[in-house]
């Protein structure tokens, strides 16, 4: 694979990257900070959700839904990142009722391969069925079961795409792009 080529899976290019946004917010994190203090994922998700949801009717309910989605995305990025050498970028772009959330993280080849395998299942299999299969077989101490992402896909009206890019043999970038119609959550 060309090291600069991005492998796309799912609904990644729904909103073109060059489309001007109505608003934008971008935050950078060290994965080690998020993994050491898991509560930071929730605090960040609550802040970002409140920032975007306040302008909608039923803003508290929308903020709760957005917070759940963003928290899950942040936790996944932290779990699938190089703890000390990595970086997580959370970028949100607002287009009327649509919110595009990009979570990008730097990871190892092993973690990328594991996540990409999981993503390919999400795209090809029935989410409802996969959710209950995972629930039945999940070990209590397995932080990478994928249950959170499955729950998000099952319970919320979101469209997700994934981008995978190789930087070098053991440095890869994963971008999880989520499109949400805020009126529908």
N, C-alpha and C. Protein backbone atom coordinates (compact mmCIF):
# COMPACT_ATOMS: atom_id res chain seq x y z
N UNK A 1 0.84 -1.18 0.00
CA UNK A 1 0.00 0.00 0.00
C UNK A 1 0.88 1.24 0.00
N UNK A 2 0.55 2.21 -0.82
CA UNK A 2 1.24 3.49 -0.83
C UNK A 2 1.09 4.10 0.56
N UNK A 3 2.20 4.51 1.16
CA UNK A 3 2.13 4.96 2.55
C UNK A 3 1.28 6.23 2.74
N UNK A 4 1.02 6.99 1.70
CA UNK A 4 0.19 8.18 1.82
C UNK A 4 -1.27 7.91 1.47
N UNK A 5 -1.56 6.76 0.87
CA UNK A 5 -2.93 6.44 0.47
C UNK A 5 -3.78 6.16 1.71
N UNK A 6 -5.01 6.64 1.66
CA UNK A 6 -5.95 6.39 2.74
C UNK A 6 -6.93 5.33 2.28
N UNK A 7 -7.01 4.24 3.04
CA UNK A 7 -7.97 3.19 2.75
C UNK A 7 -9.28 3.58 3.42
N UNK A 8 -10.36 3.64 2.65
CA UNK A 8 -11.67 4.07 3.14
C UNK A 8 -12.58 2.87 3.29
N UNK A 9 -13.29 2.82 4.42
CA UNK A 9 -14.29 1.78 4.69
C UNK A 9 -15.55 2.49 5.18
N UNK A 10 -16.70 2.08 4.68
CA UNK A 10 -17.96 2.64 5.15
C UNK A 10 -18.31 3.96 4.50
N UNK A 11 -19.11 4.75 5.20
CA UNK A 11 -19.67 6.00 4.65
C UNK A 11 -18.79 7.19 5.03
N UNK A 12 -17.61 7.22 4.49
CA UNK A 12 -16.60 8.21 4.87
C UNK A 12 -16.77 9.54 4.14
N UNK A 13 -17.11 9.52 2.88
CA UNK A 13 -17.11 10.74 2.06
C UNK A 13 -18.50 11.33 1.82
N UNK A 14 -19.38 11.23 2.79
CA UNK A 14 -20.73 11.76 2.65
C UNK A 14 -20.70 13.29 2.51
N UNK A 15 -19.89 13.94 3.34
CA UNK A 15 -19.71 15.39 3.26
C UNK A 15 -18.29 15.63 2.76
N UNK A 16 -18.14 16.27 1.62
CA UNK A 16 -16.79 16.50 1.08
C UNK A 16 -15.94 17.35 2.04
N UNK A 17 -14.65 17.03 2.11
CA UNK A 17 -13.75 17.76 3.00
C UNK A 17 -13.65 19.24 2.65
N UNK A 18 -13.86 19.60 1.38
CA UNK A 18 -13.70 21.00 0.98
C UNK A 18 -14.98 21.82 1.11
N UNK A 19 -16.08 21.24 1.60
CA UNK A 19 -17.33 21.97 1.81
C UNK A 19 -17.16 22.89 3.03
N UNK A 20 -17.38 24.20 2.87
CA UNK A 20 -17.22 25.11 4.00
C UNK A 20 -18.25 24.81 5.10
N UNK A 21 -17.77 24.78 6.33
CA UNK A 21 -18.62 24.49 7.48
C UNK A 21 -19.21 25.78 8.05
N UNK A 22 -20.36 25.64 8.74
CA UNK A 22 -20.96 26.77 9.44
C UNK A 22 -20.20 27.08 10.72
N UNK A 23 -19.54 26.09 11.27
CA UNK A 23 -18.76 26.24 12.48
C UNK A 23 -17.82 25.06 12.63
N UNK A 24 -16.78 25.26 13.44
CA UNK A 24 -15.77 24.21 13.58
C UNK A 24 -15.12 24.29 14.96
N UNK A 25 -14.79 23.14 15.50
CA UNK A 25 -14.08 23.04 16.77
C UNK A 25 -13.06 21.92 16.63
N UNK A 26 -11.83 22.16 17.10
CA UNK A 26 -10.79 21.14 16.98
C UNK A 26 -10.00 21.09 18.29
N UNK A 27 -9.83 19.86 18.81
CA UNK A 27 -9.10 19.63 20.05
C UNK A 27 -8.07 18.52 19.83
N UNK A 28 -6.91 18.64 20.49
CA UNK A 28 -5.87 17.61 20.43
C UNK A 28 -5.61 17.07 21.83
N UNK A 29 -5.37 15.76 21.90
CA UNK A 29 -5.13 15.09 23.18
C UNK A 29 -3.94 14.14 23.06
N UNK A 30 -3.34 13.84 24.19
CA UNK A 30 -2.38 12.74 24.28
C UNK A 30 -3.17 11.53 24.76
N UNK A 31 -3.06 10.39 24.09
CA UNK A 31 -3.81 9.20 24.52
C UNK A 31 -3.51 8.79 25.96
N UNK A 32 -2.27 8.98 26.39
CA UNK A 32 -1.89 8.58 27.76
C UNK A 32 -2.72 9.37 28.78
N UNK A 33 -3.03 10.64 28.49
CA UNK A 33 -3.87 11.43 29.39
C UNK A 33 -5.27 10.87 29.49
N UNK A 34 -5.82 10.46 28.35
CA UNK A 34 -7.18 9.93 28.34
C UNK A 34 -7.23 8.55 29.00
N UNK A 35 -6.20 7.73 28.78
CA UNK A 35 -6.19 6.38 29.35
C UNK A 35 -5.95 6.43 30.86
N UNK A 36 -5.13 7.37 31.31
CA UNK A 36 -4.83 7.48 32.73
C UNK A 36 -6.03 8.03 33.50
N UNK A 37 -6.72 8.96 32.87
CA UNK A 37 -7.88 9.60 33.50
C UNK A 37 -9.08 9.47 32.57
N UNK A 38 -9.73 8.28 32.60
CA UNK A 38 -10.84 8.00 31.69
C UNK A 38 -11.93 9.05 31.77
N UNK A 39 -12.09 9.67 32.93
CA UNK A 39 -13.15 10.65 33.11
C UNK A 39 -12.98 11.83 32.15
N UNK A 40 -11.75 12.07 31.69
CA UNK A 40 -11.52 13.16 30.74
C UNK A 40 -12.27 12.94 29.43
N UNK A 41 -12.46 11.68 29.04
CA UNK A 41 -13.25 11.40 27.83
C UNK A 41 -14.67 11.92 28.02
N UNK A 42 -15.27 11.61 29.15
CA UNK A 42 -16.63 12.05 29.44
C UNK A 42 -16.74 13.56 29.60
N UNK A 43 -15.78 14.17 30.27
CA UNK A 43 -15.80 15.63 30.45
C UNK A 43 -15.69 16.34 29.10
N UNK A 44 -14.80 15.84 28.25
CA UNK A 44 -14.64 16.42 26.91
C UNK A 44 -15.91 16.24 26.10
N UNK A 45 -16.47 15.04 26.14
CA UNK A 45 -17.70 14.76 25.40
C UNK A 45 -18.84 15.65 25.86
N UNK A 46 -18.97 15.85 27.18
CA UNK A 46 -20.03 16.71 27.70
C UNK A 46 -19.86 18.16 27.24
N UNK A 47 -18.62 18.66 27.27
CA UNK A 47 -18.35 20.02 26.83
C UNK A 47 -18.70 20.21 25.36
N UNK A 48 -18.18 19.32 24.51
CA UNK A 48 -18.39 19.44 23.06
C UNK A 48 -19.88 19.29 22.73
N UNK A 49 -20.55 18.33 23.37
CA UNK A 49 -21.98 18.13 23.11
C UNK A 49 -22.79 19.36 23.51
N UNK A 50 -22.49 19.93 24.65
CA UNK A 50 -23.18 21.14 25.08
C UNK A 50 -22.92 22.31 24.15
N UNK A 51 -21.70 22.40 23.67
CA UNK A 51 -21.30 23.47 22.74
C UNK A 51 -22.15 23.44 21.48
N UNK A 52 -22.45 22.24 20.96
CA UNK A 52 -23.22 22.12 19.72
C UNK A 52 -24.72 22.00 19.93
N UNK A 53 -25.15 21.43 21.03
CA UNK A 53 -26.58 21.13 21.21
C UNK A 53 -27.41 22.32 21.69
N UNK A 54 -26.80 23.33 22.25
CA UNK A 54 -27.56 24.41 22.87
C UNK A 54 -28.52 25.13 21.92
N UNK A 55 -28.22 25.12 20.62
CA UNK A 55 -29.04 25.87 19.68
C UNK A 55 -30.23 25.08 19.12
N UNK A 56 -30.46 23.89 19.63
CA UNK A 56 -31.56 23.05 19.15
C UNK A 56 -32.65 22.95 20.20
N UNK A 57 -33.89 22.73 19.72
CA UNK A 57 -34.97 22.41 20.65
C UNK A 57 -34.60 21.09 21.32
N UNK A 58 -35.07 20.90 22.54
CA UNK A 58 -34.73 19.70 23.30
C UNK A 58 -33.21 19.56 23.40
N UNK A 59 -32.54 20.68 23.64
CA UNK A 59 -31.07 20.70 23.63
C UNK A 59 -30.47 19.77 24.69
N UNK A 60 -31.12 19.61 25.83
CA UNK A 60 -30.56 18.73 26.86
C UNK A 60 -30.54 17.27 26.40
N UNK A 61 -31.63 16.83 25.77
CA UNK A 61 -31.68 15.45 25.26
C UNK A 61 -30.66 15.26 24.14
N UNK A 62 -30.54 16.26 23.28
CA UNK A 62 -29.57 16.17 22.18
C UNK A 62 -28.15 16.18 22.73
N UNK A 63 -27.90 16.99 23.75
CA UNK A 63 -26.58 17.04 24.37
C UNK A 63 -26.23 15.68 24.98
N UNK A 64 -27.20 15.02 25.61
CA UNK A 64 -26.94 13.70 26.20
C UNK A 64 -26.59 12.68 25.12
N UNK A 65 -27.33 12.69 24.02
CA UNK A 65 -27.05 11.76 22.92
C UNK A 65 -25.70 12.05 22.29
N UNK A 66 -25.44 13.33 21.99
CA UNK A 66 -24.14 13.69 21.41
C UNK A 66 -23.00 13.33 22.34
N UNK A 67 -23.17 13.57 23.63
CA UNK A 67 -22.12 13.25 24.60
C UNK A 67 -21.81 11.75 24.61
N UNK A 68 -22.85 10.93 24.55
CA UNK A 68 -22.66 9.48 24.52
C UNK A 68 -21.86 9.07 23.29
N UNK A 69 -22.22 9.62 22.14
CA UNK A 69 -21.54 9.28 20.89
C UNK A 69 -20.09 9.74 20.92
N UNK A 70 -19.86 10.99 21.31
CA UNK A 70 -18.50 11.54 21.33
C UNK A 70 -17.64 10.80 22.36
N UNK A 71 -18.21 10.49 23.51
CA UNK A 71 -17.47 9.75 24.53
C UNK A 71 -17.01 8.39 24.00
N UNK A 72 -17.90 7.69 23.33
CA UNK A 72 -17.54 6.38 22.77
C UNK A 72 -16.42 6.52 21.74
N UNK A 73 -16.51 7.51 20.89
CA UNK A 73 -15.48 7.73 19.88
C UNK A 73 -14.13 8.06 20.51
N UNK A 74 -14.14 8.90 21.54
CA UNK A 74 -12.90 9.26 22.24
C UNK A 74 -12.29 8.05 22.95
N UNK A 75 -13.12 7.28 23.63
CA UNK A 75 -12.61 6.09 24.32
C UNK A 75 -12.00 5.10 23.33
N UNK A 76 -12.66 4.90 22.19
CA UNK A 76 -12.09 4.01 21.17
C UNK A 76 -10.76 4.52 20.67
N UNK A 77 -10.68 5.83 20.41
CA UNK A 77 -9.42 6.40 19.93
C UNK A 77 -8.31 6.20 20.96
N UNK A 78 -8.62 6.38 22.22
CA UNK A 78 -7.62 6.19 23.27
C UNK A 78 -7.19 4.71 23.35
N UNK A 79 -8.15 3.79 23.28
CA UNK A 79 -7.84 2.36 23.37
C UNK A 79 -7.01 1.88 22.19
N UNK A 80 -7.24 2.46 21.01
CA UNK A 80 -6.55 2.01 19.81
C UNK A 80 -5.44 2.97 19.39
N UNK A 81 -4.79 3.61 20.37
CA UNK A 81 -3.69 4.54 20.09
C UNK A 81 -2.40 4.05 20.71
N UNK A 82 -1.30 4.56 20.16
CA UNK A 82 -0.02 4.41 20.84
C UNK A 82 -0.09 5.32 22.06
N UNK A 83 0.07 4.75 23.24
CA UNK A 83 -0.20 5.48 24.48
C UNK A 83 0.66 6.73 24.65
N UNK A 84 1.96 6.62 24.42
CA UNK A 84 2.83 7.77 24.69
C UNK A 84 3.21 8.53 23.44
N UNK A 85 3.41 7.84 22.33
CA UNK A 85 3.85 8.51 21.10
C UNK A 85 2.69 9.01 20.26
N UNK A 86 1.49 8.65 20.62
CA UNK A 86 0.34 8.94 19.80
C UNK A 86 -0.23 10.33 20.03
N UNK A 87 -1.25 10.60 19.26
CA UNK A 87 -1.99 11.86 19.38
C UNK A 87 -3.42 11.56 18.93
N UNK A 88 -4.36 12.18 19.61
CA UNK A 88 -5.77 12.08 19.23
C UNK A 88 -6.24 13.48 18.86
N UNK A 89 -6.88 13.58 17.71
CA UNK A 89 -7.47 14.84 17.28
C UNK A 89 -8.97 14.65 17.15
N UNK A 90 -9.72 15.52 17.79
CA UNK A 90 -11.18 15.54 17.70
C UNK A 90 -11.54 16.82 16.94
N UNK A 91 -12.19 16.65 15.79
CA UNK A 91 -12.58 17.81 14.99
C UNK A 91 -14.06 17.69 14.65
N UNK A 92 -14.79 18.74 14.92
CA UNK A 92 -16.22 18.78 14.62
C UNK A 92 -16.47 19.93 13.66
N UNK A 93 -17.29 19.64 12.65
CA UNK A 93 -17.71 20.66 11.71
C UNK A 93 -19.23 20.61 11.63
N UNK A 94 -19.84 21.77 11.69
CA UNK A 94 -21.28 21.92 11.74
C UNK A 94 -21.77 22.40 10.37
N UNK A 95 -22.74 21.69 9.81
CA UNK A 95 -23.35 22.04 8.52
C UNK A 95 -24.86 22.05 8.70
N UNK A 96 -25.44 23.15 9.14
CA UNK A 96 -26.88 23.19 9.39
C UNK A 96 -27.26 22.18 10.46
N UNK A 97 -28.08 21.19 10.12
CA UNK A 97 -28.47 20.15 11.08
C UNK A 97 -27.47 19.00 11.15
N UNK A 98 -26.48 19.00 10.26
CA UNK A 98 -25.51 17.91 10.24
C UNK A 98 -24.26 18.28 11.04
N UNK A 99 -23.75 17.31 11.76
CA UNK A 99 -22.52 17.47 12.51
C UNK A 99 -21.57 16.37 12.06
N UNK A 100 -20.40 16.77 11.56
CA UNK A 100 -19.38 15.80 11.14
C UNK A 100 -18.32 15.77 12.23
N UNK A 101 -18.11 14.57 12.77
CA UNK A 101 -17.13 14.38 13.83
C UNK A 101 -16.01 13.50 13.28
N UNK A 102 -14.80 14.02 13.29
CA UNK A 102 -13.62 13.25 12.92
C UNK A 102 -12.79 13.01 14.17
N UNK A 103 -12.53 11.75 14.46
CA UNK A 103 -11.62 11.39 15.53
C UNK A 103 -10.45 10.68 14.87
N UNK A 104 -9.29 11.27 14.98
CA UNK A 104 -8.09 10.71 14.35
C UNK A 104 -7.09 10.35 15.44
N UNK A 105 -6.50 9.17 15.31
CA UNK A 105 -5.48 8.77 16.27
C UNK A 105 -4.34 8.05 15.58
N UNK A 106 -3.20 8.08 16.23
CA UNK A 106 -2.00 7.40 15.74
C UNK A 106 -1.88 6.10 16.50
N UNK A 107 -1.64 5.04 15.75
CA UNK A 107 -1.66 3.70 16.34
C UNK A 107 -0.57 2.83 15.74
N UNK A 108 -0.42 1.66 16.31
CA UNK A 108 0.54 0.67 15.79
C UNK A 108 -0.13 -0.17 14.71
N UNK A 109 0.65 -0.93 13.99
CA UNK A 109 0.11 -1.82 12.96
C UNK A 109 -0.81 -2.86 13.59
N UNK A 110 -0.41 -3.42 14.72
CA UNK A 110 -1.22 -4.44 15.39
C UNK A 110 -2.59 -3.90 15.79
N UNK A 111 -2.62 -2.72 16.41
CA UNK A 111 -3.89 -2.14 16.83
C UNK A 111 -4.74 -1.73 15.62
N UNK A 112 -4.09 -1.22 14.59
CA UNK A 112 -4.82 -0.85 13.37
C UNK A 112 -5.47 -2.09 12.76
N UNK A 113 -4.69 -3.18 12.65
CA UNK A 113 -5.21 -4.41 12.05
C UNK A 113 -6.41 -4.93 12.84
N UNK A 114 -6.31 -4.89 14.17
CA UNK A 114 -7.39 -5.35 15.03
C UNK A 114 -8.64 -4.50 14.83
N UNK A 115 -8.47 -3.19 14.81
CA UNK A 115 -9.61 -2.29 14.64
C UNK A 115 -10.20 -2.41 13.23
N UNK A 116 -9.34 -2.52 12.23
CA UNK A 116 -9.82 -2.64 10.85
C UNK A 116 -10.63 -3.92 10.66
N UNK A 117 -10.20 -5.00 11.29
CA UNK A 117 -10.95 -6.26 11.23
C UNK A 117 -12.35 -6.07 11.83
N UNK A 118 -12.40 -5.39 12.97
CA UNK A 118 -13.68 -5.12 13.63
C UNK A 118 -14.58 -4.25 12.75
N UNK A 119 -14.00 -3.22 12.16
CA UNK A 119 -14.74 -2.30 11.29
C UNK A 119 -15.33 -3.04 10.08
N UNK A 120 -14.56 -3.93 9.50
CA UNK A 120 -15.07 -4.69 8.35
C UNK A 120 -16.28 -5.53 8.73
N UNK A 121 -16.32 -6.05 9.95
CA UNK A 121 -17.50 -6.77 10.43
C UNK A 121 -18.69 -5.82 10.56
N UNK A 122 -18.43 -4.62 11.10
CA UNK A 122 -19.51 -3.65 11.29
C UNK A 122 -20.16 -3.26 9.98
N UNK A 123 -19.36 -3.15 8.94
CA UNK A 123 -19.87 -2.72 7.63
C UNK A 123 -20.63 -3.84 6.93
N UNK A 124 -20.21 -5.09 7.15
CA UNK A 124 -20.77 -6.21 6.39
C UNK A 124 -21.90 -6.95 7.10
N UNK A 125 -21.91 -6.94 8.43
CA UNK A 125 -22.87 -7.76 9.15
C UNK A 125 -24.02 -6.93 9.70
N UNK A 126 -25.09 -7.59 10.09
CA UNK A 126 -26.25 -6.96 10.69
C UNK A 126 -25.87 -6.45 12.10
N UNK A 127 -26.01 -5.17 12.33
CA UNK A 127 -25.57 -4.55 13.59
C UNK A 127 -26.33 -5.11 14.78
N UNK A 128 -27.63 -5.25 14.65
CA UNK A 128 -28.45 -5.77 15.75
C UNK A 128 -27.97 -7.17 16.16
N UNK A 129 -27.79 -8.03 15.19
CA UNK A 129 -27.34 -9.41 15.44
C UNK A 129 -25.93 -9.43 16.02
N UNK A 130 -25.04 -8.63 15.45
CA UNK A 130 -23.66 -8.56 15.93
C UNK A 130 -23.59 -8.03 17.36
N UNK A 131 -24.45 -7.07 17.68
CA UNK A 131 -24.50 -6.52 19.03
C UNK A 131 -24.83 -7.61 20.05
N UNK A 132 -25.87 -8.39 19.78
CA UNK A 132 -26.28 -9.42 20.74
C UNK A 132 -25.27 -10.57 20.80
N UNK A 133 -24.65 -10.91 19.67
CA UNK A 133 -23.58 -11.93 19.68
C UNK A 133 -22.42 -11.47 20.56
N UNK A 134 -22.03 -10.22 20.40
CA UNK A 134 -20.92 -9.67 21.18
C UNK A 134 -21.27 -9.61 22.65
N UNK A 135 -22.49 -9.22 22.95
CA UNK A 135 -22.96 -9.15 24.33
C UNK A 135 -22.89 -10.52 25.00
N UNK A 136 -23.27 -11.56 24.27
CA UNK A 136 -23.26 -12.92 24.81
C UNK A 136 -21.85 -13.47 25.01
N UNK A 137 -20.91 -13.10 24.15
CA UNK A 137 -19.57 -13.69 24.20
C UNK A 137 -18.52 -12.79 24.85
N UNK A 138 -18.88 -11.57 25.20
CA UNK A 138 -17.93 -10.61 25.76
C UNK A 138 -17.43 -11.06 27.13
N UNK A 139 -16.12 -11.02 27.29
CA UNK A 139 -15.53 -11.26 28.60
C UNK A 139 -15.64 -9.95 29.39
N UNK A 140 -15.91 -10.05 30.69
CA UNK A 140 -16.11 -8.86 31.51
C UNK A 140 -14.90 -7.92 31.52
N UNK A 141 -13.71 -8.48 31.38
CA UNK A 141 -12.51 -7.66 31.47
C UNK A 141 -11.92 -7.30 30.10
N UNK A 142 -12.70 -7.46 29.03
CA UNK A 142 -12.21 -7.18 27.68
C UNK A 142 -12.53 -5.74 27.28
N UNK A 143 -11.53 -4.82 27.35
CA UNK A 143 -11.79 -3.43 27.00
C UNK A 143 -11.93 -3.19 25.50
N UNK A 144 -11.58 -4.18 24.67
CA UNK A 144 -11.64 -4.00 23.22
C UNK A 144 -12.70 -4.89 22.58
N UNK A 145 -13.79 -5.10 23.27
CA UNK A 145 -14.84 -5.98 22.75
C UNK A 145 -15.58 -5.36 21.56
N UNK A 146 -15.57 -4.03 21.48
CA UNK A 146 -16.30 -3.35 20.40
C UNK A 146 -17.76 -3.11 20.73
N UNK A 147 -18.16 -3.44 21.93
CA UNK A 147 -19.56 -3.32 22.32
C UNK A 147 -20.05 -1.87 22.30
N UNK A 148 -19.21 -0.94 22.72
CA UNK A 148 -19.61 0.47 22.75
C UNK A 148 -19.92 1.01 21.37
N UNK A 149 -19.07 0.71 20.41
CA UNK A 149 -19.29 1.16 19.03
C UNK A 149 -20.54 0.50 18.45
N UNK A 150 -20.73 -0.77 18.75
CA UNK A 150 -21.94 -1.46 18.30
C UNK A 150 -23.20 -0.83 18.90
N UNK A 151 -23.13 -0.51 20.19
CA UNK A 151 -24.27 0.12 20.86
C UNK A 151 -24.60 1.46 20.19
N UNK A 152 -23.55 2.22 19.87
CA UNK A 152 -23.75 3.51 19.23
C UNK A 152 -24.44 3.35 17.87
N UNK A 153 -23.97 2.40 17.08
CA UNK A 153 -24.56 2.15 15.76
C UNK A 153 -25.99 1.63 15.87
N UNK A 154 -26.25 0.83 16.87
CA UNK A 154 -27.57 0.23 17.08
C UNK A 154 -28.58 1.26 17.59
N UNK A 155 -28.16 2.11 18.50
CA UNK A 155 -29.10 2.99 19.20
C UNK A 155 -29.24 4.41 18.64
N UNK A 156 -28.31 4.83 17.82
CA UNK A 156 -28.34 6.22 17.33
C UNK A 156 -28.34 6.24 15.81
N UNK A 157 -28.96 7.27 15.29
CA UNK A 157 -29.02 7.46 13.84
C UNK A 157 -27.74 8.17 13.40
N UNK A 158 -26.68 7.38 13.20
CA UNK A 158 -25.39 7.92 12.78
C UNK A 158 -24.91 7.18 11.53
N UNK A 159 -24.10 7.86 10.77
CA UNK A 159 -23.46 7.25 9.61
C UNK A 159 -21.96 7.32 9.87
N UNK A 160 -21.28 6.21 9.68
CA UNK A 160 -19.86 6.16 10.04
C UNK A 160 -19.02 5.65 8.89
N UNK A 161 -17.86 6.27 8.74
CA UNK A 161 -16.85 5.83 7.80
C UNK A 161 -15.51 5.80 8.51
N UNK A 162 -14.60 5.04 7.95
CA UNK A 162 -13.30 4.84 8.59
C UNK A 162 -12.21 5.06 7.55
N UNK A 163 -11.16 5.75 7.95
CA UNK A 163 -10.00 5.95 7.09
C UNK A 163 -8.78 5.37 7.76
N UNK A 164 -7.98 4.61 7.00
CA UNK A 164 -6.77 3.99 7.52
C UNK A 164 -5.60 4.41 6.64
N UNK A 165 -4.52 4.89 7.28
CA UNK A 165 -3.36 5.35 6.53
C UNK A 165 -2.08 4.88 7.20
N UNK A 166 -1.18 4.34 6.40
CA UNK A 166 0.13 3.89 6.90
C UNK A 166 1.12 5.04 6.77
N UNK A 167 1.78 5.36 7.87
CA UNK A 167 2.83 6.37 7.86
C UNK A 167 4.19 5.68 7.69
N UNK A 168 4.41 4.64 8.51
CA UNK A 168 5.57 3.76 8.34
C UNK A 168 5.16 2.38 8.86
N UNK A 169 6.09 1.44 8.91
CA UNK A 169 5.76 0.05 9.22
C UNK A 169 4.93 -0.11 10.50
N UNK A 170 5.21 0.68 11.54
CA UNK A 170 4.46 0.52 12.79
C UNK A 170 3.80 1.82 13.24
N UNK A 171 3.56 2.73 12.34
CA UNK A 171 2.84 3.96 12.67
C UNK A 171 1.73 4.13 11.63
N UNK A 172 0.51 4.11 12.13
CA UNK A 172 -0.67 4.21 11.27
C UNK A 172 -1.62 5.26 11.84
N UNK A 173 -2.42 5.83 10.96
CA UNK A 173 -3.45 6.78 11.37
C UNK A 173 -4.81 6.14 11.11
N UNK A 174 -5.67 6.24 12.12
CA UNK A 174 -7.06 5.81 11.99
C UNK A 174 -7.92 7.06 12.14
N UNK A 175 -8.86 7.24 11.22
CA UNK A 175 -9.82 8.33 11.32
C UNK A 175 -11.22 7.72 11.30
N UNK A 176 -11.96 7.96 12.36
CA UNK A 176 -13.36 7.53 12.42
C UNK A 176 -14.20 8.78 12.19
N UNK A 177 -14.96 8.77 11.12
CA UNK A 177 -15.79 9.91 10.74
C UNK A 177 -17.24 9.55 10.98
N UNK A 178 -17.90 10.36 11.79
CA UNK A 178 -19.30 10.13 12.12
C UNK A 178 -20.12 11.33 11.67
N UNK A 179 -21.19 11.07 10.95
CA UNK A 179 -22.11 12.11 10.50
C UNK A 179 -23.42 11.93 11.27
N UNK A 180 -23.84 13.01 11.91
CA UNK A 180 -25.06 12.96 12.73
C UNK A 180 -26.01 14.07 12.26
N UNK A 181 -27.24 13.71 12.02
CA UNK A 181 -28.28 14.71 11.83
C UNK A 181 -28.80 15.00 13.23
N UNK A 182 -28.45 16.15 13.77
CA UNK A 182 -28.75 16.46 15.17
C UNK A 182 -30.25 16.48 15.43
N UNK A 183 -31.05 16.78 14.42
CA UNK A 183 -32.51 16.76 14.60
C UNK A 183 -33.05 15.35 14.82
N UNK A 184 -32.29 14.33 14.41
CA UNK A 184 -32.77 12.95 14.49
C UNK A 184 -32.30 12.20 15.74
N UNK A 185 -31.48 12.81 16.56
CA UNK A 185 -31.02 12.09 17.77
C UNK A 185 -31.79 12.54 18.99
